[in-house]
Amino acid sequence: MATIITEECINCGACEPECPNGAITQGDDIYVIDPKLCTECVGFHDEEACAAVCPVDCCVQDPNNVETEATLYARLATVHAGKEFPALATLPANLSRFRKA
């Protein structure tokens, strides 16, 4: 998981329903992202949905846990078993922040 929610989280909950993987839940003090479910929205959006709606910009890349597009895309197949996605080589730019239009 290369996305984390920082301590600046105000518990507004805007991010939770936006996550296509169900990776965001309410923690003890702030919302948290489950690293086993986060794909940085690869396969769904060209930016991370949580970061796009966060009013305090606390959904950020974790510099201590950088993952490749291929790693995140492989996780997508696991998280959404049974759903078909295009091959990584043919993934359009609007479905990954790693792609440039």
C-alpha atoms as a PDB file:
ATOM      1  CA  MET A   1       0.000   0.000   0.000  1.00  0.00           C
ATOM      2  CA  ALA A   2       1.510   3.265  -1.034  1.00  0.00           C
ATOM      3  CA  THR A   3      -1.381   5.358   0.284  1.00  0.00           C
ATOM      4  CA  ILE A   4      -1.874   6.265   3.915  1.00  0.00           C
ATOM      5  CA  ILE A   5      -4.159   8.564   5.862  1.00  0.00           C
ATOM      6  CA  THR A   6      -2.201  10.929   8.073  1.00  0.00           C
ATOM      7  CA  GLU A   7      -2.989  12.200  11.560  1.00  0.00           C
ATOM      8  CA  GLU A   8      -4.444  15.354   9.982  1.00  0.00           C
ATOM      9  CA  CYS A   9      -7.594  13.326   9.198  1.00  0.00           C
ATOM     10  CA  ILE A  10     -10.689  15.114  10.529  1.00  0.00           C
ATOM     11  CA  ASN A  11     -12.890  12.004  10.399  1.00  0.00           C
ATOM     12  CA  CYS A  12     -15.244  13.516   7.842  1.00  0.00           C
ATOM     13  CA  GLY A  13     -15.717  10.148   6.131  1.00  0.00           C
ATOM     14  CA  ALA A  14     -15.620  11.556   2.597  1.00  0.00           C
ATOM     15  CA  CYS A  15     -13.012   9.013   1.522  1.00  0.00           C
ATOM     16  CA  GLU A  16     -14.668   5.800   2.690  1.00  0.00           C
ATOM     17  CA  PRO A  17     -17.487   5.510   0.106  1.00  0.00           C
ATOM     18  CA  GLU A  18     -15.177   6.596  -2.710  1.00  0.00           C
ATOM     19  CA  CYS A  19     -12.795   3.649  -2.391  1.00  0.00           C
ATOM     20  CA  PRO A  20     -13.614   1.082  -5.106  1.00  0.00           C
ATOM     21  CA  ASN A  21     -11.862  -1.628  -3.091  1.00  0.00           C
ATOM     22  CA  GLY A  22     -13.471  -1.075   0.309  1.00  0.00           C
ATOM     23  CA  ALA A  23      -9.991  -0.468   1.731  1.00  0.00           C
ATOM     24  CA  ILE A  24     -10.918   2.498   3.942  1.00  0.00           C
ATOM     25  CA  THR A  25     -12.561   2.072   7.334  1.00  0.00           C
ATOM     26  CA  GLN A  26     -13.017   4.091  10.503  1.00  0.00           C
ATOM     27  CA  GLY A  27     -10.125   3.447  12.885  1.00  0.00           C
ATOM     28  CA  ASP A  28      -9.901   4.333  16.563  1.00  0.00           C
ATOM     29  CA  ASP A  29      -9.030   7.985  15.963  1.00  0.00           C
ATOM     30  CA  ILE A  30      -8.876   8.452  12.193  1.00  0.00           C
ATOM     31  CA  TYR A  31      -9.830   6.612   9.028  1.00  0.00           C
ATOM     32  CA  VAL A  32      -7.352   3.947   7.948  1.00  0.00           C
ATOM     33  CA  ILE A  33      -6.463   2.184   4.705  1.00  0.00           C
ATOM     34  CA  ASP A  34      -6.053  -1.598   4.632  1.00  0.00           C
ATOM     35  CA  PRO A  35      -2.829  -2.256   2.699  1.00  0.00           C
ATOM     36  CA  LYS A  36      -4.130  -5.638   1.520  1.00  0.00           C
ATOM     37  CA  LEU A  37      -6.994  -3.934  -0.324  1.00  0.00           C
ATOM     38  CA  CYS A  38      -5.527  -0.634  -1.561  1.00  0.00           C
ATOM     39  CA  THR A  39      -4.601  -0.491  -5.244  1.00  0.00           C
ATOM     40  CA  GLU A  40      -4.217   3.309  -5.424  1.00  0.00           C
ATOM     41  CA  CYS A  41      -7.331   3.095  -7.624  1.00  0.00           C
ATOM     42  CA  VAL A  42      -5.341   1.459 -10.442  1.00  0.00           C
ATOM     43  CA  GLY A  43      -7.948  -0.172 -12.666  1.00  0.00           C
ATOM     44  CA  PHE A  44     -10.637   2.328 -11.664  1.00  0.00           C
ATOM     45  CA  HIS A  45      -9.405   5.944 -11.817  1.00  0.00           C
ATOM     46  CA  ASP A  46      -6.525   8.090 -13.018  1.00  0.00           C
ATOM     47  CA  GLU A  47      -6.031   9.408  -9.483  1.00  0.00           C
ATOM     48  CA  GLU A  48      -6.647   8.073  -6.020  1.00  0.00           C
ATOM     49  CA  ALA A  49     -10.323   8.622  -5.226  1.00  0.00           C
ATOM     50  CA  CYS A  50      -9.688   9.137  -1.523  1.00  0.00           C
ATOM     51  CA  ALA A  51      -7.158  11.892  -2.168  1.00  0.00           C
ATOM     52  CA  ALA A  52      -9.447  13.556  -4.701  1.00  0.00           C
ATOM     53  CA  VAL A  53     -12.252  14.052  -2.144  1.00  0.00           C
ATOM     54  CA  CYS A  54     -10.225  14.656   1.023  1.00  0.00           C
ATOM     55  CA  PRO A  55     -10.848  18.221   2.272  1.00  0.00           C
ATOM     56  CA  VAL A  56      -7.591  18.321   4.283  1.00  0.00           C
ATOM     57  CA  ASP A  57      -5.305  16.446   1.879  1.00  0.00           C
ATOM     58  CA  CYS A  58      -4.421  13.714   4.368  1.00  0.00           C
ATOM     59  CA  CYS A  59      -4.621  10.785   1.901  1.00  0.00           C
ATOM     60  CA  VAL A  60      -1.026  10.709   0.720  1.00  0.00           C
ATOM     61  CA  GLN A  61       1.572   8.438  -0.817  1.00  0.00           C
ATOM     62  CA  ASP A  62       3.635   6.567   1.772  1.00  0.00           C
ATOM     63  CA  PRO A  63       7.272   7.254   0.861  1.00  0.00           C
ATOM     64  CA  ASN A  64       8.285   4.172   2.872  1.00  0.00           C
ATOM     65  CA  ASN A  65       6.109   1.828   0.834  1.00  0.00           C
ATOM     66  CA  VAL A  66       6.261   2.619  -2.872  1.00  0.00           C
ATOM     67  CA  GLU A  67       4.621   0.029  -5.118  1.00  0.00           C
ATOM     68  CA  THR A  68       4.676  -0.404  -8.875  1.00  0.00           C
ATOM     69  CA  GLU A  69       1.685  -0.249 -11.130  1.00  0.00           C
ATOM     70  CA  ALA A  70       2.130  -3.981 -11.843  1.00  0.00           C
ATOM     71  CA  THR A  71       2.046  -4.833  -8.123  1.00  0.00           C
ATOM     72  CA  LEU A  72      -1.079  -2.759  -7.560  1.00  0.00           C
ATOM     73  CA  TYR A  73      -2.758  -4.212 -10.644  1.00  0.00           C
ATOM     74  CA  ALA A  74      -2.028  -7.754  -9.504  1.00  0.00           C
ATOM     75  CA  ARG A  75      -3.651  -6.909  -6.164  1.00  0.00           C
ATOM     76  CA  LEU A  76      -6.707  -5.640  -8.042  1.00  0.00           C
ATOM     77  CA  ALA A  77      -7.284  -9.116  -9.492  1.00  0.00           C
ATOM     78  CA  THR A  78      -7.117 -10.591  -6.001  1.00  0.00           C
ATOM     79  CA  VAL A  79      -9.397  -8.005  -4.383  1.00  0.00           C
ATOM     80  CA  HIS A  80     -11.984  -8.318  -7.169  1.00  0.00           C
ATOM     81  CA  ALA A  81     -11.729 -12.037  -7.887  1.00  0.00           C
ATOM     82  CA  GLY A  82     -14.142 -13.043 -10.612  1.00  0.00           C
ATOM     83  CA  LYS A  83     -14.222  -9.614 -12.240  1.00  0.00           C
ATOM     84  CA  GLU A  84     -12.379  -9.142 -15.523  1.00  0.00           C
ATOM     85  CA  PHE A  85     -10.101  -6.197 -16.141  1.00  0.00           C
ATOM     86  CA  PRO A  86      -8.140  -5.338 -19.305  1.00  0.00           C
ATOM     87  CA  ALA A  87      -4.575  -6.610 -19.535  1.00  0.00           C
ATOM     88  CA  LEU A  88      -2.111  -4.264 -17.841  1.00  0.00           C
ATOM     89  CA  ALA A  89      -0.382  -3.583 -21.163  1.00  0.00           C
ATOM     90  CA  THR A  90      -3.648  -2.260 -22.627  1.00  0.00           C
ATOM     91  CA  LEU A  91      -4.880  -0.373 -19.553  1.00  0.00           C
ATOM     92  CA  PRO A  92      -6.083   3.063 -20.672  1.00  0.00           C
ATOM     93  CA  ALA A  93      -4.759   6.272 -19.091  1.00  0.00           C
ATOM     94  CA  ASN A  94      -8.058   7.019 -17.369  1.00  0.00           C
ATOM     95  CA  LEU A  95      -7.676   3.864 -15.249  1.00  0.00           C
ATOM     96  CA  SER A  96      -4.248   4.464 -13.709  1.00  0.00           C
ATOM     97  CA  ARG A  97      -2.293   7.437 -12.412  1.00  0.00           C
ATOM     98  CA  PHE A  98       0.837   5.772 -13.811  1.00  0.00           C
ATOM     99  CA  ARG A  99      -0.417   6.299 -17.390  1.00  0.00           C
ATOM    100  CA  LYS A 100      -0.173   9.575 -19.226  1.00  0.00           C
ATOM    101  CA  ALA A 101      -2.867  10.484 -21.722  1.00  0.00           C
END
